[in-house]
Protein backbone atom coordinates (compact mmCIF):
# COMPACT_ATOMS: atom_id res chain seq x y z
CA MET A 1 0.00 0.00 0.00
CA ALA A 2 1.42 3.42 -0.94
CA ASP A 3 2.09 5.96 1.81
CA SER A 4 -0.30 8.32 0.00
CA ASP A 5 -3.17 5.94 0.89
CA PHE A 6 -2.59 6.44 4.60
CA ARG A 7 -4.18 9.27 6.57
CA ARG A 8 -2.87 11.58 9.27
CA TRP A 9 -4.73 12.58 12.43
CA ILE A 10 -3.89 15.47 14.73
CA CYS A 11 -4.43 16.12 18.43
CA ASP A 12 -5.43 19.78 18.55
CA ALA A 13 -4.60 19.99 22.25
CA CYS A 14 -0.88 19.23 21.90
CA GLY A 15 -0.07 19.05 18.18
CA TYR A 16 0.77 15.33 18.10
CA VAL A 17 0.19 13.84 14.64
CA TYR A 18 -0.75 10.18 14.28
CA ASP A 19 0.44 9.03 10.86
CA GLU A 20 -1.11 5.70 9.86
CA ALA A 21 1.94 4.92 7.74
CA GLN A 22 4.24 5.16 10.77
CA GLY A 23 1.92 3.97 13.54
CA ASP A 24 2.94 4.48 17.17
CA PRO A 25 5.44 1.69 17.95
CA ASP A 26 6.06 2.97 21.50
CA SER A 27 2.38 2.29 22.25
CA GLY A 28 2.29 -1.02 20.39
CA LEU A 29 0.76 0.28 17.14
CA ALA A 30 2.71 -1.11 14.19
CA ALA A 31 3.40 0.91 11.06
CA GLY A 32 0.34 0.79 8.84
CA THR A 33 -2.18 0.67 11.69
CA ARG A 34 -5.34 2.40 10.52
CA TYR A 35 -7.17 4.82 12.78
CA GLU A 36 -10.14 2.44 12.87
CA ASP A 37 -7.88 -0.34 14.19
CA ILE A 38 -6.45 1.68 17.07
CA PRO A 39 -7.79 0.24 20.37
CA ASP A 40 -10.30 2.47 22.12
CA ASP A 41 -8.12 2.58 25.24
CA TRP A 42 -5.19 4.13 23.32
CA HIS A 43 -4.19 7.63 24.45
CA CYS A 44 -2.23 10.42 22.77
CA PRO A 45 1.39 9.74 23.80
CA LEU A 46 2.02 13.43 24.42
CA CYS A 47 -1.01 14.68 26.32
CA GLY A 48 -3.16 11.64 27.15
CA LEU A 49 -6.33 12.50 25.22
CA ARG A 50 -8.27 9.66 23.66
CA LYS A 51 -8.36 8.30 20.11
CA SER A 52 -11.79 9.86 19.59
CA ASP A 53 -10.31 13.32 20.19
CA LEU A 54 -8.00 13.18 17.16
CA ARG A 55 -9.03 15.19 14.10
CA LEU A 56 -8.45 13.99 10.54
CA LEU A 57 -5.99 16.22 8.73
CA PRO A 58 -7.40 17.16 5.32
CA ASP A 59 -5.56 16.06 2.21
CA MET A 60 -3.78 19.00 0.61
CA PRO A 61 -5.46 19.48 -2.80
CA ALA A 62 -3.37 18.89 -5.90
CA VAL A 63 -0.12 18.98 -3.97
CA ALA A 64 1.99 17.90 -6.92
CA ALA A 65 0.59 20.66 -9.10
CA ILE A 66 1.03 23.20 -6.34
CA ALA A 67 4.61 22.15 -5.75
CA ASN A 68 5.39 22.71 -9.42
CA LYS A 69 4.01 26.24 -9.18
CA ALA A 70 5.83 27.13 -5.96
CA ARG A 71 9.06 25.23 -5.55
CA PRO A 72 10.27 25.33 -1.94
CA SER A 73 13.41 27.33 -1.24
CA THR A 74 15.36 26.56 1.92
CA LYS A 75 18.98 27.35 1.16
CA PRO A 76 20.19 30.54 2.89
CA GLY A 77 21.35 31.90 -0.46
CA ASP A 78 18.04 31.40 -2.28
CA LYS A 79 16.34 34.56 -3.48
CA SER A 80 12.57 34.05 -3.31
CA ARG A 81 11.25 37.60 -3.09
CA GLY A 82 7.50 37.13 -2.78
CA SER A 83 5.06 39.21 -4.83
CA ALA A 84 1.88 41.26 -4.54
CA GLU A 85 -0.04 37.96 -4.81
CA HIS A 86 1.85 36.20 -2.03
CA VAL A 87 0.70 35.44 1.47
CA VAL A 88 3.91 35.78 3.46
CA ILE A 89 4.11 34.12 6.89
CA VAL A 90 6.83 35.21 9.32
CA GLY A 91 7.67 32.48 11.80
CA ALA A 92 8.08 28.69 11.63
CA GLY A 93 6.77 27.58 14.98
CA ILE A 94 3.48 25.78 15.50
CA ALA A 95 1.58 28.98 14.67
CA GLY A 96 3.41 29.62 11.40
CA TRP A 97 3.17 26.10 10.04
CA SER A 98 -0.45 25.79 11.26
CA VAL A 99 -1.58 28.82 9.30
CA ALA A 100 0.27 27.57 6.19
CA GLU A 101 -1.55 24.23 6.51
CA ALA A 102 -4.91 25.92 7.10
CA ILE A 103 -4.57 28.22 4.09
CA ARG A 104 -3.42 25.46 1.77
CA ALA A 105 -6.15 23.05 2.91
CA GLY A 106 -8.78 25.29 1.33
CA ASP A 107 -6.76 27.08 -1.34
CA PRO A 108 -4.50 25.19 -3.77
CA ASP A 109 -3.47 28.24 -5.80
CA THR A 110 -2.43 31.25 -3.71
CA PRO A 111 1.38 31.46 -3.51
CA ILE A 112 2.60 31.18 0.08
CA LEU A 113 6.08 32.06 1.35
CA LEU A 114 7.12 31.23 4.91
CA VAL A 115 10.10 33.21 6.23
CA THR A 116 11.97 32.28 9.40
CA GLY A 117 15.18 33.19 11.15
CA CYS A 118 15.69 29.58 12.27
CA GLU A 119 16.00 26.20 10.54
CA GLY A 120 12.23 25.96 10.14
CA LEU A 121 12.03 22.43 11.52
CA SER A 122 8.52 21.10 12.14
CA TYR A 123 8.11 19.47 15.56
CA PRO A 124 5.50 19.36 18.35
CA LYS A 125 6.79 21.86 20.90
CA PRO A 126 5.09 20.11 23.86
CA ALA A 127 7.40 17.15 23.21
CA LEU A 128 10.36 19.18 24.52
CA SER A 129 9.22 18.79 28.13
CA THR A 130 8.43 15.07 27.84
CA ALA A 131 11.31 13.80 25.69
CA PHE A 132 13.15 11.90 28.43
CA ALA A 133 9.97 10.02 29.39
CA HIS A 134 9.57 8.90 25.77
CA GLY A 135 13.24 8.00 25.36
CA LYS A 136 13.84 10.66 22.70
CA ASP A 137 16.70 13.03 22.05
CA ALA A 138 16.30 16.40 20.32
CA ASP A 139 16.57 15.02 16.79
CA ALA A 140 13.96 12.32 17.44
CA ILE A 141 11.36 15.02 18.14
CA ILE A 142 11.61 16.45 14.62
CA GLU A 143 8.75 15.45 12.31
CA GLN A 144 9.95 17.15 9.10
CA ASP A 145 12.64 19.54 7.98
CA ALA A 146 11.60 22.81 6.35
CA ALA A 147 12.13 21.55 2.80
CA GLY A 148 10.03 18.43 3.35
CA LYS A 149 7.24 20.34 5.07
CA ALA A 150 7.18 23.01 2.37
CA THR A 151 7.10 20.39 -0.38
CA SER A 152 4.17 18.59 1.25
CA LEU A 153 2.24 21.88 1.34
CA GLY A 154 3.39 23.21 -2.02
CA ILE A 155 4.74 26.45 -0.56
CA GLU A 156 8.03 28.34 -0.58
CA VAL A 157 10.16 28.72 2.53
CA ARG A 158 13.21 30.81 3.36
CA THR A 159 15.10 29.65 6.43
CA GLU A 160 17.78 31.47 8.40
CA THR A 161 16.34 34.74 7.09
CA ARG A 162 15.63 37.21 9.87
CA VAL A 163 12.99 39.88 9.26
CA ILE A 164 14.24 43.30 10.37
CA LYS A 165 11.53 45.71 9.25
CA ILE A 166 7.99 45.88 7.86
CA ASP A 167 7.30 48.66 5.34
CA ARG A 168 3.52 48.77 5.41
CA ALA A 169 3.18 51.43 2.71
CA LYS A 170 5.20 49.40 0.20
CA LYS A 171 4.02 46.02 1.55
CA ARG A 172 7.61 44.95 1.79
CA LEU A 173 9.78 43.18 4.37
CA THR A 174 13.41 44.05 4.94
CA THR A 175 15.44 40.99 5.87
CA ALA A 176 19.11 40.35 6.51
CA LYS A 177 19.18 38.84 3.00
CA GLY A 178 17.17 41.29 0.94
CA GLY A 179 13.61 42.49 0.51
CA ILE A 180 10.43 40.41 0.29
CA GLU A 181 7.14 41.67 -1.17
CA TYR A 182 3.76 40.59 0.19
CA GLY A 183 0.08 40.95 -0.59
CA LYS A 184 -1.05 39.72 2.82
CA LEU A 185 1.26 39.27 5.79
CA VAL A 186 0.82 36.86 8.72
CA LEU A 187 2.94 37.42 11.84
CA ALA A 188 3.62 34.24 13.83
CA LEU A 189 6.48 35.68 15.85
CA GLY A 190 6.01 33.65 19.02
CA ALA A 191 7.25 34.72 22.44
CA SER A 192 10.48 34.71 24.43
CA GLN A 193 11.17 33.55 27.95
CA ARG A 194 11.01 36.40 30.44
CA LYS A 195 14.47 37.47 31.65
CA LEU A 196 14.60 37.57 35.44
CA PRO A 197 16.57 40.15 37.48
CA VAL A 198 19.24 37.81 38.86
CA SER A 199 22.69 39.03 39.90
CA GLY A 200 25.96 37.10 40.13
CA ASP A 201 28.77 36.01 37.81
CA ALA A 202 26.79 32.96 36.61
CA ALA A 203 23.48 34.77 35.95
CA ASP A 204 24.07 34.76 32.19
CA GLU A 205 24.28 30.95 32.27
CA ILE A 206 20.59 30.58 33.16
CA LEU A 207 19.08 28.60 30.30
CA ARG A 208 15.73 29.66 28.84
CA VAL A 209 14.36 26.68 26.90
CA ASN A 210 11.67 27.73 24.44
CA ASP A 211 12.56 26.00 21.18
CA LEU A 212 14.49 23.08 19.74
CA LYS A 213 17.74 25.04 19.54
CA THR A 214 17.80 25.87 23.25
CA TYR A 215 16.54 22.38 24.09
CA ARG A 216 19.59 20.96 22.32
CA GLN A 217 21.77 23.23 24.47
CA MET A 218 20.07 21.89 27.58
CA ARG A 219 20.59 18.27 26.57
CA ARG A 220 24.29 18.90 25.90
CA ARG A 221 24.72 20.47 29.32
CA LEU A 222 22.81 17.67 31.02
CA GLU A 223 25.31 15.22 29.55
CA SER A 224 28.26 17.00 31.21
CA GLU A 225 28.38 16.01 34.88
CA VAL A 226 25.04 17.60 35.80
CA ARG A 227 23.43 16.08 38.90
CA HIS A 228 21.13 18.82 40.17
CA VAL A 229 18.81 21.06 38.13
CA THR A 230 17.06 24.16 39.50
CA ILE A 231 13.89 25.21 37.67
CA LEU A 232 12.61 28.77 38.05
CA GLY A 233 8.83 28.71 37.83
CA ALA A 234 6.17 26.17 38.86
CA GLY A 235 3.87 26.81 35.92
CA LEU A 236 3.02 24.43 33.10
CA ILE A 237 6.50 24.18 31.56
CA GLY A 238 8.27 24.15 34.91
CA CYS A 239 6.17 21.26 36.23
CA GLU A 240 6.50 19.24 33.01
CA PHE A 241 10.27 19.66 32.90
CA ALA A 242 10.50 18.86 36.63
CA GLU A 243 8.81 15.49 36.19
CA ASP A 244 10.67 14.65 32.99
CA LEU A 245 14.09 15.41 34.49
CA ALA A 246 13.33 13.74 37.83
CA GLY A 247 12.20 10.65 35.97
CA ALA A 248 15.51 10.66 34.08
CA GLY A 249 17.41 10.49 37.37
CA PHE A 250 18.32 14.13 37.98
CA GLU A 251 17.84 15.89 41.31
CA VAL A 252 15.34 18.71 40.72
CA SER A 253 14.39 21.79 42.74
CA VAL A 254 11.50 24.02 41.60
CA ILE A 255 11.43 27.66 42.75
CA ASP A 256 8.31 29.83 42.61
CA PRO A 257 7.13 33.07 44.29
CA THR A 258 3.55 31.76 44.70
CA ASP A 259 2.35 29.15 47.18
CA GLN A 260 1.57 26.22 44.84
CA PRO A 261 2.31 24.68 41.44
CA LEU A 262 0.17 25.86 38.51
CA ALA A 263 -1.13 28.71 40.64
CA SER A 264 -3.07 30.32 37.78
CA LEU A 265 -4.76 27.07 36.71
CA LEU A 266 -5.44 24.80 39.69
CA PRO A 267 -7.58 25.00 42.83
CA PRO A 268 -5.51 24.45 46.00
CA GLN A 269 -6.58 20.84 46.62
CA THR A 270 -5.57 19.69 43.13
CA ALA A 271 -2.33 21.68 43.28
CA GLN A 272 -1.46 19.86 46.51
CA GLN A 273 -2.04 16.51 44.80
CA LEU A 274 0.28 17.49 41.96
CA ARG A 275 2.85 18.74 44.44
CA ASN A 276 2.76 15.45 46.34
CA ARG A 277 3.00 13.26 43.23
CA LEU A 278 6.05 15.09 41.88
CA GLN A 279 7.59 15.18 45.35
CA ASP A 280 7.25 11.39 45.44
CA LYS A 281 9.39 11.33 42.28
CA GLY A 282 12.08 13.37 44.02
CA VAL A 283 11.12 16.93 43.06
CA GLN A 284 11.90 19.45 45.81
CA TRP A 285 9.68 22.53 46.03
CA ARG A 286 10.57 26.02 47.29
CA PHE A 287 7.62 28.40 47.32
CA HIS A 288 7.34 32.08 48.32
CA VAL A 289 10.89 32.75 47.09
CA THR A 290 12.72 33.95 43.98
CA LEU A 291 16.30 33.51 42.81
CA ASP A 292 18.35 36.57 43.76
CA GLN A 293 21.87 35.53 42.86
CA LEU A 294 23.67 32.83 40.90
CA GLU A 295 27.42 32.50 41.31
CA ASN A 296 30.08 30.08 40.16
CA SER A 297 31.22 27.79 42.96
CA GLY A 298 34.03 25.62 41.64
CA ALA A 299 32.55 23.24 39.09
CA ARG A 300 29.04 23.96 40.37
CA LYS A 301 26.75 26.97 40.92
CA ARG A 302 25.57 28.56 44.15
CA ALA A 303 21.96 29.74 44.01
CA THR A 304 20.90 32.25 46.67
CA PHE A 305 17.19 32.90 47.19
CA SER A 306 15.21 35.91 48.37
CA ASP A 307 14.80 34.41 51.86
CA GLY A 308 18.58 34.11 52.27
CA ASP A 309 18.77 30.33 51.80
CA ALA A 310 21.24 28.94 49.26
CA ILE A 311 21.80 25.62 47.50
CA GLU A 312 24.46 24.08 45.27
CA THR A 313 23.22 23.30 41.76
CA ASP A 314 24.63 22.44 38.34
CA LEU A 315 22.12 23.87 35.89
CA VAL A 316 19.40 26.52 36.18
CA LEU A 317 16.42 26.51 33.79
CA SER A 318 14.05 29.45 33.57
CA ALA A 319 10.36 28.66 33.06
CA ALA A 320 9.11 31.94 34.48
CA GLY A 321 6.69 32.99 31.78
CA LEU A 322 6.71 34.35 28.24
CA VAL A 323 6.79 37.82 26.70
CA ALA A 324 5.28 38.27 23.23
CA ASN A 325 7.72 39.10 20.43
CA THR A 326 6.21 42.36 19.21
CA GLN A 327 9.25 44.48 18.39
CA ILE A 328 9.02 44.57 14.59
CA ALA A 329 5.25 45.07 14.74
CA ASP A 330 5.68 47.97 17.16
CA LYS A 331 8.34 49.59 14.95
CA ALA A 332 5.98 49.25 11.98
CA GLY A 333 3.32 51.24 13.83
CA LEU A 334 0.91 48.39 14.47
CA THR A 335 -1.13 48.60 17.66
CA VAL A 336 0.68 46.65 20.37
CA ASN A 337 -0.23 45.97 23.99
CA ARG A 338 0.61 42.65 25.71
CA GLY A 339 0.75 41.28 22.20
CA ILE A 340 0.05 42.51 18.68
CA VAL A 341 -3.56 43.66 18.97
CA THR A 342 -5.99 41.95 16.57
CA ASN A 343 -9.71 41.73 16.03
CA ARG A 344 -11.52 38.38 16.07
CA LEU A 345 -10.51 37.77 12.44
CA MET A 346 -6.91 37.92 13.74
CA GLN A 347 -6.46 41.10 11.70
CA THR A 348 -4.14 43.77 13.12
CA SER A 349 -4.61 47.54 12.91
CA ASP A 350 -3.37 47.17 9.30
CA PRO A 351 -6.01 45.22 7.30
CA ALA A 352 -3.29 43.54 5.20
CA ILE A 353 -1.51 42.11 8.24
CA TYR A 354 -2.67 39.28 10.52
CA ALA A 355 -1.15 37.85 13.69
CA LEU A 356 -1.68 34.69 15.74
CA GLY A 357 -0.30 32.60 18.54
CA ASP A 358 1.93 33.72 21.40
CA CYS A 359 2.55 37.13 19.80
CA ALA A 360 -1.13 38.08 19.26
CA GLU A 361 -3.65 39.67 21.62
CA VAL A 362 -7.37 39.20 20.98
CA GLU A 363 -9.78 41.25 23.10
CA GLY A 364 -7.14 41.71 25.78
CA GLN A 365 -6.05 38.06 25.92
CA VAL A 366 -2.96 36.28 24.57
CA TYR A 367 -3.75 32.66 23.69
CA ALA A 368 -0.49 30.73 24.13
CA TYR A 369 -1.82 27.16 23.99
CA ILE A 370 -1.93 24.92 20.93
CA GLU A 371 -5.69 24.34 20.78
CA PRO A 372 -6.59 28.05 20.33
CA ILE A 373 -3.60 28.61 18.02
CA ARG A 374 -4.99 25.98 15.64
CA ARG A 375 -8.36 27.72 15.69
CA GLN A 376 -6.72 31.09 15.03
CA ALA A 377 -4.95 29.60 12.01
CA ARG A 378 -8.26 28.40 10.58
CA THR A 379 -9.79 31.84 11.22
CA ILE A 380 -7.01 33.53 9.21
CA ALA A 381 -7.32 31.03 6.37
CA SER A 382 -11.07 31.64 6.20
CA ALA A 383 -10.62 35.42 6.24
CA LEU A 384 -8.10 35.27 3.39
CA ARG A 385 -10.67 33.32 1.33
CA GLY A 386 -13.29 35.98 2.04
CA ASP A 387 -15.26 33.65 4.31
CA ASP A 388 -15.09 35.38 7.68
CA GLN A 389 -15.29 32.96 10.61
CA PRO A 390 -14.35 34.96 13.72
CA PHE A 391 -12.13 33.39 16.35
CA ASP A 392 -14.30 32.03 19.14
CA ILE A 393 -13.33 33.68 22.42
CA LYS A 394 -13.32 30.95 25.06
CA PRO A 395 -10.91 29.51 27.61
CA PRO A 396 -8.36 27.11 26.15
CA LEU A 397 -8.15 23.41 26.87
CA VAL A 398 -4.85 22.86 28.70
CA GLN A 399 -3.24 19.42 28.83
CA VAL A 400 -0.54 19.14 31.51
CA LYS A 401 1.91 16.43 30.54
CA THR A 402 2.94 15.14 33.97
CA PRO A 403 2.58 11.33 33.63
CA SER A 404 2.45 10.65 37.38
CA PHE A 405 -0.49 13.08 37.66
CA PRO A 406 -1.94 13.93 34.21
CA LEU A 407 -4.23 16.93 34.09
CA SER A 408 -6.82 18.27 31.66
CA ILE A 409 -7.89 21.81 32.52
CA CYS A 410 -10.41 24.29 31.20
CA PRO A 411 -9.61 27.37 33.31
CA ALA A 412 -12.26 29.76 34.55
CA SER A 413 -12.25 33.26 36.01
CA SER A 414 -10.86 33.77 39.49
CA GLY A 415 -14.39 34.07 40.89
CA ALA A 416 -15.37 30.50 40.00
CA THR A 417 -15.93 28.02 42.83
CA PRO A 418 -14.28 24.57 42.71
CA VAL A 419 -16.71 21.71 43.40
CA THR A 420 -15.43 18.12 43.67
CA ARG A 421 -17.61 15.70 41.69
CA ASP A 422 -16.20 12.32 42.76
CA ALA A 423 -14.74 10.67 45.82
CA GLY A 424 -11.27 10.40 44.30
CA ASP A 425 -11.04 14.14 43.58
CA GLU A 426 -10.41 13.25 39.92
CA ARG A 427 -13.03 15.69 38.63
CA VAL A 428 -13.35 19.21 39.97
CA ASP A 429 -15.97 21.42 38.34
CA LEU A 430 -15.46 25.19 38.31
CA VAL A 431 -18.86 26.78 38.74
CA ASP A 432 -20.32 30.28 38.77
CA GLY A 433 -23.59 29.95 40.65
CA ASP A 434 -25.17 26.86 39.09
CA GLN A 435 -23.33 27.30 35.78
CA LEU A 436 -20.38 25.07 34.82
CA VAL A 437 -17.66 27.41 33.49
CA GLY A 438 -14.56 25.22 33.67
CA PHE A 439 -13.11 22.01 35.03
CA VAL A 440 -10.02 20.18 36.25
CA LEU A 441 -9.72 16.48 35.40
CA THR A 442 -7.03 14.18 36.79
CA GLY A 443 -6.16 10.49 36.88
CA SER A 444 -8.55 8.24 34.97
CA HIS A 445 -10.68 11.27 34.02
CA ALA A 446 -7.83 13.23 32.38
CA GLY A 447 -8.44 11.61 28.99
CA ASP A 448 -12.02 12.91 28.98
CA GLY A 449 -10.93 16.55 28.70
CA MET A 450 -11.70 17.15 25.04
CA ALA A 451 -15.14 15.53 25.24
CA LEU A 452 -16.14 17.64 28.26
CA TYR A 453 -14.61 20.75 26.66
CA ARG A 454 -16.72 20.28 23.54
CA GLU A 455 -19.81 19.72 25.65
CA LEU A 456 -19.11 22.91 27.61
CA HIS A 457 -18.30 25.18 24.66
CA HIS A 458 -20.49 23.97 21.82
């Protein structure tokens, strides 16, 4: 059977793609296993959602014909310059590739050029914080290189090409390697790890892991006599990395100024359960403190906290939150607040420019999770076809990939009341009066997140 006869299914919550041609050998699904033949008790290997929550990826129409029209360009010296007919996408993270896929799924003809300052590799970003648990190194996370991805979509791509300036009047980008013309522009600029005010001669060695490049740096450092890792931040990424590293045999300390893990997402009783489960795996917690100073101490580092305590550590990872990358949008005169401000069509203050993902702000909110980013991509694709389908403003579905205590969360406003629905505390409803407005699912219920989310928001 030809590979073209197999289908691909995506988990919108985490970005995992089940390819029937490849199967999922780690879960016992041989190459060639059809979706229909996957056992009903199978779960997404990244986030734990069920088989029924996967969505069929549409076939890209007339890919061969498209590829002949728009031959991918990935070499740094290539000179694809766009045109007034081009949709140009800046950024090759999940947001950038998602909008390219969404546009091409409904439009086989419009020329698309994706421009990125990095290698443009396609990979599920959530896999970075679970790679040890799945026995994968950095290269094993990669699904496709930029050339392969571009060929499959029939688009052009310029890698290692940093965008410096947007000239809105001329509809032209200035890059380090020449100008690029656009008809419509999509900004998928992502976000950067927040830099913390830490003093000391080792402060610059704090590692901020937010992409495959910095993840590779982390793995190299972990291979060089590292025993103890200090993680700054007990949010989603901090907790996932803590479990993954502890499970790989490292000593782990997590530092956070709040009083619990996932403070913005979990009610206290569930946060305590998560804290206990990770503590059982060896994770040490330090709450109500921040890192003040990091100094070299022989072959190790000395970390001094705001309460005066200090520990010896080998590697410090920052997971203390993200800041939207808005600089080039701001310089171009686009409206910027916490992110690049858009309407519900993901259109910025310039009608020819769209934005999505970690860099975009819709009605005062930045949606940094994969599920809403996928929906934003489909909204942009629809708008470019003239079929306006506004982005639905609703809380995201958040899958926390901590295998010892998996969580599926639909957050609610701070005024919601947590109500436990079962004796094992595995389902906590977040209610406003008698109205269900969110939920927290754990344990055996965690795989039910997408089904309950759809019930709540459709």
